[in-house]
Amino acid sequence: MAKIVVLGAGISGHTASTLLKKKLGKKHEVVVVTPNTYYHWIPSNIWVGVGRMTVDQIRFRLDKRYQKAGIIFKQAKAVSIHPEGDNELSKGFVTIEYTGQDRVGQTEKVDYDFLVNATGPKLNFAGTEGLGPDKFTESVCTYGHAAQAWEKLQGCITKMENGEKQKILIGVGHPMSTCQGAAFEYILNVAFEIKKRKLSHMAEIKWITNEFELGDFGMGGAYIKRGGYITQTRTLAESFLRERNISWIKRAGVTKIEEGKVHFETLDGTAGEETFDFAMLIPSFTGHGIKAFAKDGSDMTDKIFAPNGFMKVDADYTPKPFEQWSAEDWPSTYQNPDYGNIFAAGIAFAPPHAISKPMTTANGMKAFPAPPRTGMPSGVTGKVIAQNIADWVKTGKPLMKHKASMAKMGAACIVSAGYGMMNGAAATMTVYPIVQDWEKYPEFGRDISYTIGEAGLAGHWLKWFMHYMFLHKAKGYPFWWLLPE
């Protein structure tokens, strides 16, 4: 009997664990370790953050889902990984600390034959002084944060209704933040809600980003085919903001936040300040700080994890100048190079480098988007890992025939710009591949036939449909396995 332990129950971890159990059945154990009580569909946090959905519309309990599937559920966080076991165990194991199930604070050793790290990111609010929902800014990174953001935004709306103008600042709160897409989606929805209440004249809305040009979104921007012609995502992003009277600050790294004030530095070294009444700023992401130890007890964290805390996989981590970056640098099986029975999915794997060109301010501060690995890439990497482990268990051989490099993977993204059956809007974009391959596609870096973008009501309907479709899949409803990642 094989035992597979999956750390995390987000998009990548939940995909991996449920697919593994379906493929391997009762003969083998699948164990999920996660500190969370609920699975939640993260893309819909945006709608919670503007009051269009409740928290309970985007989440469900994990214990009932896993009990039904025959998956062992441990509500706990991973503390350390021991790939070689120790003096008492020949197999590798993970040390966990319970956060629920009436065992809070208790620790346990969980051995494994295969380990999947799908812990996602640690929200590094501490990386910027004053950042975060317990400090001076809001977040939509969790459903709890999004609910709080809506509560605070309602206060601003009330003030506007009473004749008091409000300054709203939305974007990223660290020089190396990613998830610009989520923040961009939120600012468009906030503008929509304010306009719907006929309060646009009472609001000054501003976008702040570390992107060199708008529409970079951590993937170096893209040329897209739209309406029969080729344009840039920069043009699309700028047009969406201009149409809504939203101004912007780009090439900016936020360095400090005080009550009602953001401090930032632009690439030319200029220090700037921006005041606000409401601010939602995305933090930078890091790994969770899980340690790794050898059989003799020595610390080998730096062997398993990159300095940012994300796990090393089958990528080329050789330091290279930007001009030498290649599509071949990116991993395809997400297998740790030193311990073949350990994998990392979604945001938990360490990318070999950014996708956007690295930028440094005149004062030496790095300020550019980190590479995104959320949504579709998370689901696909979780699926590929599950397929390879299932094959390995069934055949006894590490065939590793399933691959999914982000340099050979397409992705679809729908950016909501307002909620409503007849007056909603969204920008729908597909890119192929996610990571540019300038050797294969020398003109645009991507296949322009499959890199397209459109805006309109139909995109909103599609995003709406995807919300329910992916929750159907995650809940294990009939034929869930037939739905795509």
Protein backbone atom coordinates (compact mmCIF):
# COMPACT_ATOMS: atom_id res chain seq x y z
CA MET A 1 0.00 0.00 0.00
CA ALA A 2 1.30 3.45 -0.94
CA LYS A 3 0.74 6.50 1.23
CA ILE A 4 0.63 9.93 -0.40
CA VAL A 5 0.64 13.03 1.79
CA VAL A 6 -0.55 16.30 0.29
CA LEU A 7 0.29 19.52 2.12
CA GLY A 8 -2.38 22.11 1.37
CA ALA A 9 -5.96 22.06 0.11
CA GLY A 10 -6.09 25.01 -2.25
CA ILE A 11 -6.56 24.71 -5.99
CA SER A 12 -3.41 22.65 -6.59
CA GLY A 13 -3.52 20.52 -3.42
CA HIS A 14 -7.24 19.76 -3.66
CA THR A 15 -6.88 18.88 -7.34
CA ALA A 16 -3.96 16.54 -6.59
CA SER A 17 -5.53 14.78 -3.60
CA THR A 18 -8.98 14.17 -5.10
CA LEU A 19 -7.56 12.95 -8.40
CA LEU A 20 -5.07 10.69 -6.64
CA LYS A 21 -7.83 9.10 -4.59
CA LYS A 22 -9.97 8.56 -7.67
CA LYS A 23 -7.11 6.93 -9.56
CA LEU A 24 -5.73 4.81 -6.71
CA GLY A 25 -8.91 3.81 -4.87
CA LYS A 26 -9.13 2.15 -1.47
CA LYS A 27 -5.90 0.17 -1.79
CA HIS A 28 -3.77 3.25 -1.14
CA GLU A 29 -3.90 6.12 1.37
CA VAL A 30 -4.20 9.79 0.49
CA VAL A 31 -3.69 12.15 3.42
CA VAL A 32 -4.33 15.90 3.24
CA VAL A 33 -2.67 18.20 5.77
CA THR A 34 -3.96 21.77 5.79
CA PRO A 35 -4.55 24.34 8.54
CA ASN A 36 -7.82 25.40 6.94
CA THR A 37 -11.36 24.28 7.73
CA TYR A 38 -12.68 25.28 4.33
CA TYR A 39 -11.89 25.00 0.66
CA HIS A 40 -12.70 28.26 -1.05
CA TRP A 41 -12.76 29.42 -4.64
CA ILE A 42 -10.21 32.23 -4.47
CA PRO A 43 -11.07 34.02 -7.77
CA SER A 44 -14.48 34.93 -6.32
CA ASN A 45 -12.93 36.78 -3.37
CA ILE A 46 -13.25 39.84 -5.60
CA TRP A 47 -17.03 39.62 -5.49
CA VAL A 48 -17.03 39.17 -1.70
CA GLY A 49 -14.89 42.32 -1.51
CA VAL A 50 -17.64 44.39 -3.19
CA GLY A 51 -20.60 42.74 -1.48
CA ARG A 52 -21.81 40.76 -4.51
CA MET A 53 -21.27 37.36 -2.89
CA THR A 54 -21.20 36.16 0.69
CA VAL A 55 -18.35 34.18 2.19
CA ASP A 56 -20.50 31.03 2.30
CA GLN A 57 -21.15 31.24 -1.43
CA ILE A 58 -17.48 30.68 -2.21
CA ARG A 59 -16.45 28.05 0.34
CA PHE A 60 -17.35 24.62 1.75
CA ARG A 61 -16.09 22.40 4.56
CA LEU A 62 -13.19 20.11 3.74
CA ASP A 63 -13.88 17.42 6.34
CA LYS A 64 -17.18 16.33 4.77
CA ARG A 65 -15.73 16.36 1.25
CA TYR A 66 -12.73 14.26 2.23
CA GLN A 67 -14.70 11.85 4.41
CA LYS A 68 -16.97 11.12 1.45
CA ALA A 69 -13.98 10.62 -0.86
CA GLY A 70 -12.09 8.38 1.57
CA ILE A 71 -9.27 10.89 2.04
CA ILE A 72 -7.68 11.21 5.49
CA PHE A 73 -7.94 14.83 6.62
CA LYS A 74 -5.65 16.40 9.20
CA GLN A 75 -6.35 20.03 10.03
CA ALA A 76 -2.79 21.01 10.75
CA LYS A 77 0.18 22.90 9.36
CA ALA A 78 3.44 21.35 8.18
CA VAL A 79 6.40 22.32 10.34
CA SER A 80 9.26 20.25 8.93
CA ILE A 81 10.07 17.69 6.25
CA HIS A 82 12.40 14.75 6.86
CA PRO A 83 12.97 13.13 3.44
CA GLU A 84 15.38 10.50 4.82
CA GLY A 85 13.41 9.65 7.93
CA ASP A 86 15.36 9.50 11.19
CA ASN A 87 16.78 6.86 13.48
CA GLU A 88 13.31 5.46 14.15
CA LEU A 89 11.72 5.66 10.72
CA SER A 90 13.14 4.40 7.44
CA LYS A 91 10.55 6.30 5.41
CA GLY A 92 10.36 10.03 4.97
CA PHE A 93 7.96 11.90 7.21
CA VAL A 94 6.48 15.31 7.87
CA THR A 95 6.11 16.87 11.29
CA ILE A 96 2.77 18.63 11.60
CA GLU A 97 1.13 20.82 14.23
CA TYR A 98 -2.64 20.66 14.55
CA THR A 99 -4.68 23.83 14.18
CA GLY A 100 -8.12 22.21 14.55
CA GLN A 101 -10.02 18.97 15.17
CA ASP A 102 -9.80 19.53 18.95
CA ARG A 103 -6.06 18.91 18.85
CA VAL A 104 -4.77 22.47 18.59
CA GLY A 105 -1.04 22.67 19.29
CA GLN A 106 -0.43 18.92 19.25
CA THR A 107 2.32 17.64 16.98
CA GLU A 108 2.54 14.42 14.99
CA LYS A 109 4.87 12.64 12.61
CA VAL A 110 3.17 11.62 9.37
CA ASP A 111 5.20 9.23 7.23
CA TYR A 112 4.82 9.06 3.46
CA ASP A 113 5.83 7.23 0.33
CA PHE A 114 5.13 10.33 -1.77
CA LEU A 115 4.86 13.93 -0.65
CA VAL A 116 3.14 16.78 -2.51
CA ASN A 117 3.86 20.29 -1.28
CA ALA A 118 0.87 22.42 -2.29
CA THR A 119 0.96 24.86 0.60
CA GLY A 120 0.53 27.94 -1.57
CA PRO A 121 1.98 31.28 -0.49
CA LYS A 122 2.52 32.90 2.84
CA LEU A 123 1.00 36.38 2.60
CA ASN A 124 4.04 38.47 3.45
CA PHE A 125 2.32 41.54 4.89
CA ALA A 126 5.31 41.97 7.20
CA GLY A 127 7.45 42.61 4.12
CA THR A 128 6.08 46.16 3.96
CA GLU A 129 5.77 48.26 7.08
CA GLY A 130 2.14 49.11 7.79
CA LEU A 131 0.68 46.74 5.19
CA GLY A 132 -2.25 44.44 5.88
CA PRO A 133 -5.81 44.21 7.19
CA ASP A 134 -4.59 44.38 10.78
CA LYS A 135 -2.64 47.57 9.96
CA PHE A 136 -3.65 50.32 7.51
CA THR A 137 -4.68 48.57 4.27
CA GLU A 138 -7.19 45.97 3.14
CA SER A 139 -6.69 42.71 1.23
CA VAL A 140 -8.75 40.31 -0.90
CA CYS A 141 -6.32 37.41 -0.58
CA THR A 142 -8.63 35.40 1.71
CA TYR A 143 -12.39 35.36 2.09
CA GLY A 144 -12.02 36.87 5.57
CA HIS A 145 -9.90 39.70 4.22
CA ALA A 146 -12.36 40.29 1.38
CA ALA A 147 -15.32 40.47 3.78
CA GLN A 148 -13.46 43.04 5.88
CA ALA A 149 -12.57 45.03 2.76
CA TRP A 150 -16.26 45.22 1.83
CA GLU A 151 -17.12 46.39 5.33
CA LYS A 152 -14.55 49.18 5.12
CA LEU A 153 -15.57 50.08 1.57
CA GLN A 154 -19.18 50.41 2.67
CA GLY A 155 -18.04 53.00 5.19
CA CYS A 156 -16.44 55.00 2.38
CA ILE A 157 -19.60 54.71 0.28
CA THR A 158 -21.66 56.03 3.17
CA LYS A 159 -19.34 59.00 3.50
CA MET A 160 -19.65 59.71 -0.23
CA GLU A 161 -23.44 59.54 0.05
CA ASN A 162 -23.16 62.13 2.83
CA GLY A 163 -21.15 64.47 0.60
CA GLU A 164 -17.63 63.60 1.74
CA LYS A 165 -15.18 62.86 -1.09
CA GLN A 166 -13.04 59.73 -0.75
CA LYS A 167 -9.64 58.74 -2.11
CA ILE A 168 -9.36 55.08 -3.04
CA LEU A 169 -6.00 53.45 -3.74
CA ILE A 170 -5.77 49.89 -5.07
CA GLY A 171 -2.82 47.88 -6.39
CA VAL A 172 0.24 46.11 -4.99
CA GLY A 173 1.89 46.87 -1.67
CA HIS A 174 5.43 45.63 -2.17
CA PRO A 175 8.11 46.21 -4.85
CA MET A 176 8.08 42.47 -5.70
CA SER A 177 4.37 41.70 -5.38
CA THR A 178 2.54 39.55 -7.88
CA CYS A 179 -1.22 38.98 -8.44
CA GLN A 180 -1.61 42.33 -10.20
CA GLY A 181 -4.56 40.71 -11.99
CA ALA A 182 -6.53 40.24 -8.76
CA ALA A 183 -5.93 43.84 -7.72
CA PHE A 184 -6.80 45.09 -11.21
CA GLU A 185 -10.03 43.12 -11.12
CA TYR A 186 -10.88 44.57 -7.73
CA ILE A 187 -10.33 48.19 -8.74
CA LEU A 188 -12.64 47.73 -11.75
CA ASN A 189 -15.35 46.24 -9.54
CA VAL A 190 -14.99 48.99 -6.95
CA ALA A 191 -15.36 51.60 -9.69
CA PHE A 192 -18.44 49.73 -10.98
CA GLU A 193 -20.12 49.74 -7.54
CA ILE A 194 -19.41 53.42 -7.02
CA LYS A 195 -20.73 54.33 -10.47
CA LYS A 196 -23.86 52.24 -9.95
CA ARG A 197 -24.62 54.34 -6.88
CA LYS A 198 -24.05 57.51 -8.93
CA LEU A 199 -21.15 58.52 -6.70
CA SER A 200 -18.28 58.64 -9.22
CA HIS A 201 -17.98 62.41 -8.77
CA MET A 202 -17.28 61.84 -5.06
CA ALA A 203 -14.46 59.31 -5.55
CA GLU A 204 -10.86 59.69 -6.67
CA ILE A 205 -9.73 56.18 -7.63
CA LYS A 206 -6.07 55.43 -8.29
CA TRP A 207 -4.11 52.32 -9.34
CA ILE A 208 -0.57 51.78 -8.02
CA THR A 209 1.65 49.06 -9.48
CA ASN A 210 5.22 47.83 -9.73
CA GLU A 211 4.67 46.98 -13.41
CA PHE A 212 6.92 48.76 -15.90
CA GLU A 213 3.86 49.15 -18.11
CA LEU A 214 0.24 48.52 -17.27
CA GLY A 215 -0.98 45.11 -18.37
CA ASP A 216 2.29 43.38 -17.50
CA PHE A 217 0.47 41.17 -14.94
CA GLY A 218 3.73 39.45 -13.99
CA MET A 219 4.05 37.74 -17.36
CA GLY A 220 5.92 40.46 -19.22
CA GLY A 221 2.69 41.68 -20.79
CA ALA A 222 1.47 40.16 -24.04
CA TYR A 223 0.56 40.92 -27.59
CA ILE A 224 -3.01 39.79 -28.11
CA LYS A 225 -5.32 39.40 -31.06
CA ARG A 226 -8.44 41.47 -30.47
CA GLY A 227 -11.21 42.21 -32.94
CA GLY A 228 -9.10 41.22 -35.93
CA TYR A 229 -6.02 43.27 -35.02
CA ILE A 230 -3.01 42.83 -32.73
CA THR A 231 -2.58 45.04 -29.69
CA GLN A 232 -0.80 44.95 -26.33
CA THR A 233 -2.23 44.17 -22.92
CA ARG A 234 -0.90 47.59 -21.97
CA THR A 235 -3.44 49.20 -24.33
CA LEU A 236 -6.23 47.01 -22.97
CA ALA A 237 -5.40 47.79 -19.33
CA GLU A 238 -5.02 51.53 -19.88
CA SER A 239 -8.31 51.72 -21.80
CA PHE A 240 -10.18 49.95 -18.99
CA LEU A 241 -8.84 52.44 -16.45
CA ARG A 242 -9.41 55.52 -18.61
CA GLU A 243 -13.01 54.52 -19.35
CA ARG A 244 -13.63 54.50 -15.60
CA ASN A 245 -11.73 57.70 -14.83
CA ILE A 246 -9.10 55.80 -12.84
CA SER A 247 -5.63 57.33 -12.75
CA TRP A 248 -2.46 55.36 -12.09
CA ILE A 249 1.06 55.26 -10.73
CA LYS A 250 3.31 52.69 -12.42
CA ARG A 251 6.91 51.54 -11.92
CA ALA A 252 6.41 52.07 -8.18
CA GLY A 253 7.57 49.97 -5.26
CA VAL A 254 5.65 50.62 -2.04
CA THR A 255 8.12 50.92 0.83
CA LYS A 256 6.04 52.00 3.84
CA ILE A 257 2.44 52.64 4.81
CA GLU A 258 1.11 54.91 7.50
CA GLU A 259 -2.49 55.64 8.41
CA GLY A 260 -3.95 57.21 5.29
CA LYS A 261 -0.61 57.47 3.47
CA VAL A 262 1.52 55.27 1.20
CA HIS A 263 5.22 55.87 0.60
CA PHE A 264 6.77 54.53 -2.61
CA GLU A 265 9.83 54.75 -4.81
CA THR A 266 9.72 54.78 -8.61
CA LEU A 267 12.31 53.26 -10.94
CA ASP A 268 13.99 56.61 -11.51
CA GLY A 269 14.67 56.80 -7.76
CA THR A 270 12.01 59.40 -7.01
CA ALA A 271 10.34 59.09 -3.60
CA GLY A 272 6.60 59.66 -3.64
CA GLU A 273 3.60 59.73 -1.33
CA GLU A 274 -0.07 59.07 -1.92
CA THR A 275 -2.87 59.65 0.56
CA PHE A 276 -5.97 57.48 0.81
CA ASP A 277 -9.20 56.92 2.67
CA PHE A 278 -9.43 53.30 1.54
CA ALA A 279 -6.55 51.16 0.26
CA MET A 280 -6.44 47.55 -0.91
CA LEU A 281 -2.88 46.49 -1.63
CA ILE A 282 -1.66 42.97 -2.45
CA PRO A 283 1.36 41.78 -0.41
CA SER A 284 4.38 39.90 -1.67
CA PHE A 285 4.36 36.10 -1.43
CA THR A 286 6.89 33.82 0.24
CA GLY A 287 7.01 30.17 1.23
CA HIS A 288 5.69 29.14 4.64
CA GLY A 289 9.06 28.65 6.26
CA ILE A 290 8.88 24.86 6.44
CA LYS A 291 12.22 23.39 7.51
CA ALA A 292 13.93 20.31 6.10
CA PHE A 293 16.24 17.98 8.02
CA ALA A 294 18.59 15.16 7.05
CA LYS A 295 18.60 11.76 8.77
CA ASP A 296 21.31 12.89 11.18
CA GLY A 297 19.18 15.88 12.20
CA SER A 298 21.20 18.50 10.36
CA ASP A 299 19.33 21.34 8.71
CA MET A 300 19.16 21.00 4.93
CA THR A 301 16.38 23.49 4.26
CA ASP A 302 18.47 25.24 1.61
CA LYS A 303 18.77 21.94 -0.28
CA ILE A 304 15.00 21.49 -0.57
CA PHE A 305 13.84 25.10 -0.63
CA ALA A 306 14.93 28.24 -2.45
CA PRO A 307 15.77 31.35 -0.35
CA ASN A 308 12.21 32.64 -0.81
CA GLY A 309 10.83 29.51 0.88
CA PHE A 310 9.40 27.87 -2.23
CA MET A 311 10.38 24.28 -3.03
CA LYS A 312 13.01 23.43 -5.64
CA VAL A 313 11.79 21.29 -8.53
CA ASP A 314 13.03 20.21 -11.96
CA ALA A 315 13.87 23.74 -13.10
CA ASP A 316 17.19 25.26 -14.12
CA TYR A 317 18.10 27.54 -11.21
CA THR A 318 21.47 28.53 -12.63
CA PRO A 319 21.80 32.33 -12.24
CA LYS A 320 21.63 33.92 -15.70
CA PRO A 321 21.29 37.40 -17.09
CA PHE A 322 17.83 38.25 -18.44
CA GLU A 323 18.99 37.89 -22.05
CA GLN A 324 19.88 34.22 -21.46
CA TRP A 325 16.59 33.18 -19.89
CA SER A 326 14.98 30.35 -21.79
CA ALA A 327 11.63 28.57 -21.92
CA GLU A 328 13.60 25.40 -21.15
CA ASP A 329 14.48 26.76 -17.69
CA TRP A 330 10.95 26.05 -16.48
CA PRO A 331 9.97 22.79 -14.74
CA SER A 332 7.68 20.22 -16.32
CA THR A 333 7.12 17.47 -13.71
CA TYR A 334 7.56 19.53 -10.50
CA GLN A 335 9.68 16.79 -8.95
CA ASN A 336 12.38 17.67 -6.44
CA PRO A 337 15.81 16.92 -8.01
CA ASP A 338 17.28 15.37 -4.86
CA TYR A 339 14.28 13.42 -3.58
CA GLY A 340 12.23 12.00 -6.44
CA ASN A 341 9.21 11.15 -4.29
CA ILE A 342 8.69 14.81 -3.34
CA PHE A 343 6.79 17.22 -5.58
CA ALA A 344 5.63 20.84 -5.39
CA ALA A 345 2.52 22.22 -7.09
CA GLY A 346 1.09 25.67 -7.78
CA ILE A 347 2.60 28.59 -5.94
CA ALA A 348 4.61 26.22 -3.70
CA PHE A 349 7.22 25.50 -6.39
CA ALA A 350 10.16 27.84 -6.85
CA PRO A 351 10.22 29.40 -10.33
CA PRO A 352 13.66 29.59 -11.97
CA HIS A 353 13.28 33.34 -12.54
CA ALA A 354 10.67 35.99 -13.15
CA ILE A 355 8.73 36.17 -16.41
CA SER A 356 8.76 39.96 -16.49
CA LYS A 357 12.08 41.70 -17.07
CA PRO A 358 13.87 42.47 -13.76
CA MET A 359 13.99 46.16 -12.89
CA THR A 360 15.97 48.00 -10.25
CA THR A 361 15.37 51.54 -9.05
CA ALA A 362 18.08 54.17 -9.27
CA ASN A 363 18.68 53.53 -5.56
CA GLY A 364 19.17 49.79 -6.03
CA MET A 365 15.74 48.48 -4.98
CA LYS A 366 14.27 45.63 -7.05
CA ALA A 367 10.82 46.59 -8.31
CA PHE A 368 9.05 44.27 -10.74
CA PRO A 369 6.30 41.62 -10.57
CA ALA A 370 7.11 38.13 -9.39
CA PRO A 371 5.82 35.34 -11.67
CA PRO A 372 2.15 34.37 -11.15
CA ARG A 373 1.33 30.68 -10.65
CA THR A 374 -2.27 30.93 -9.46
CA GLY A 375 -5.52 29.65 -10.96
CA MET A 376 -5.17 27.49 -14.04
CA PRO A 377 -1.41 26.76 -13.66
CA SER A 378 -2.04 25.65 -10.07
CA GLY A 379 -4.75 23.23 -11.11
CA VAL A 380 -2.77 21.84 -14.04
CA THR A 381 0.41 21.28 -11.99
CA GLY A 382 -1.62 19.53 -9.28
CA LYS A 383 -3.20 17.28 -11.90
CA VAL A 384 0.11 16.40 -13.59
CA ILE A 385 1.72 15.51 -10.27
CA ALA A 386 -1.25 13.29 -9.37
CA GLN A 387 -1.09 11.52 -12.74
CA ASN A 388 2.64 10.81 -12.41
CA ILE A 389 2.39 9.56 -8.83
CA ALA A 390 -0.59 7.33 -9.70
CA ASP A 391 1.37 5.82 -12.61
CA TRP A 392 4.38 5.31 -10.37
CA VAL A 393 2.29 3.53 -7.72
CA LYS A 394 0.56 1.29 -10.28
CA THR A 395 3.64 0.34 -12.28
CA GLY A 396 6.34 0.60 -9.65
CA LYS A 397 8.31 2.79 -12.04
CA PRO A 398 8.87 6.57 -12.12
CA LEU A 399 7.70 6.98 -15.71
CA MET A 400 7.02 10.72 -15.37
CA LYS A 401 5.31 10.81 -18.75
CA HIS A 402 2.90 13.62 -17.82
CA LYS A 403 4.43 17.08 -18.20
CA ALA A 404 3.17 20.64 -17.92
CA SER A 405 5.80 23.33 -18.31
CA MET A 406 4.44 26.86 -18.03
CA ALA A 407 6.48 27.52 -21.16
CA LYS A 408 4.30 24.97 -22.98
CA MET A 409 1.05 25.60 -21.12
CA GLY A 410 -1.73 27.96 -22.07
CA ALA A 411 -3.91 29.83 -19.62
CA ALA A 412 -7.26 31.57 -19.70
CA CYS A 413 -7.96 34.59 -17.52
CA ILE A 414 -11.22 36.45 -17.00
CA VAL A 415 -10.97 39.85 -15.34
CA SER A 416 -14.32 40.90 -13.92
CA ALA A 417 -15.16 44.57 -14.42
CA GLY A 418 -18.63 44.70 -12.90
CA TYR A 419 -21.33 42.35 -11.65
CA GLY A 420 -24.79 41.89 -13.14
CA MET A 421 -26.84 39.73 -15.47
CA MET A 422 -27.27 42.50 -18.06
CA ASN A 423 -24.80 45.20 -17.05
CA GLY A 424 -21.82 43.15 -15.89
CA ALA A 425 -18.57 43.20 -17.83
CA ALA A 426 -15.27 41.34 -18.04
CA ALA A 427 -12.12 41.11 -20.09
CA THR A 428 -11.44 37.57 -21.31
CA MET A 429 -7.88 36.73 -22.29
CA THR A 430 -6.01 33.57 -23.27
CA VAL A 431 -2.24 33.32 -23.58
CA TYR A 432 -0.15 30.53 -25.03
CA PRO A 433 2.32 29.82 -23.62
CA ILE A 434 2.34 31.54 -20.22
CA VAL A 435 6.13 31.90 -20.26
CA GLN A 436 7.36 33.51 -23.47
CA ASP A 437 9.31 31.31 -25.87
CA TRP A 438 11.21 33.77 -28.06
CA GLU A 439 13.00 31.00 -29.96
CA LYS A 440 9.78 29.35 -31.08
CA TYR A 441 7.75 32.57 -31.42
CA PRO A 442 10.35 35.25 -32.26
CA GLU A 443 7.86 37.97 -33.20
CA PHE A 444 5.58 38.06 -30.15
CA GLY A 445 7.04 35.51 -27.73
CA ARG A 446 3.75 33.61 -27.84
CA ASP A 447 1.50 32.00 -30.44
CA ILE A 448 -0.69 34.94 -31.51
CA SER A 449 -3.32 32.50 -32.83
CA TYR A 450 -4.07 31.42 -29.26
CA THR A 451 -3.23 34.65 -27.44
CA ILE A 452 -6.41 36.65 -27.70
CA GLY A 453 -8.48 39.13 -25.70
CA GLU A 454 -12.04 40.42 -25.77
CA ALA A 455 -14.15 42.53 -23.44
CA GLY A 456 -17.88 42.58 -22.78
CA LEU A 457 -20.89 41.09 -21.03
CA ALA A 458 -20.27 37.57 -22.35
CA GLY A 459 -17.01 37.43 -20.41
CA HIS A 460 -18.90 38.21 -17.21
CA TRP A 461 -21.35 35.40 -17.89
CA LEU A 462 -18.41 33.06 -18.48
CA LYS A 463 -16.75 34.03 -15.19
CA TRP A 464 -20.06 33.53 -13.42
CA PHE A 465 -20.38 30.08 -14.99
CA MET A 466 -16.81 29.19 -14.02
CA HIS A 467 -17.50 30.10 -10.39
CA TYR A 468 -20.22 27.45 -10.17
CA MET A 469 -18.45 24.96 -12.44
CA PHE A 470 -15.25 24.89 -10.40
CA LEU A 471 -17.12 24.68 -7.10
CA HIS A 472 -19.07 21.76 -8.59
CA LYS A 473 -15.74 20.13 -9.45
CA ALA A 474 -14.15 20.85 -6.06
CA LYS A 475 -17.18 19.49 -4.17
CA GLY A 476 -16.95 16.21 -6.04
CA TYR A 477 -20.36 16.44 -7.62
CA PRO A 478 -21.28 14.03 -10.48
CA PHE A 479 -18.68 13.77 -13.24
CA TRP A 480 -16.41 16.29 -11.50
CA TRP A 481 -13.31 14.63 -12.99
CA LEU A 482 -14.44 15.49 -16.52
CA LEU A 483 -14.23 19.23 -15.88
CA PRO A 484 -10.97 20.93 -16.90
CA GLU A 485 -8.45 22.54 -14.57
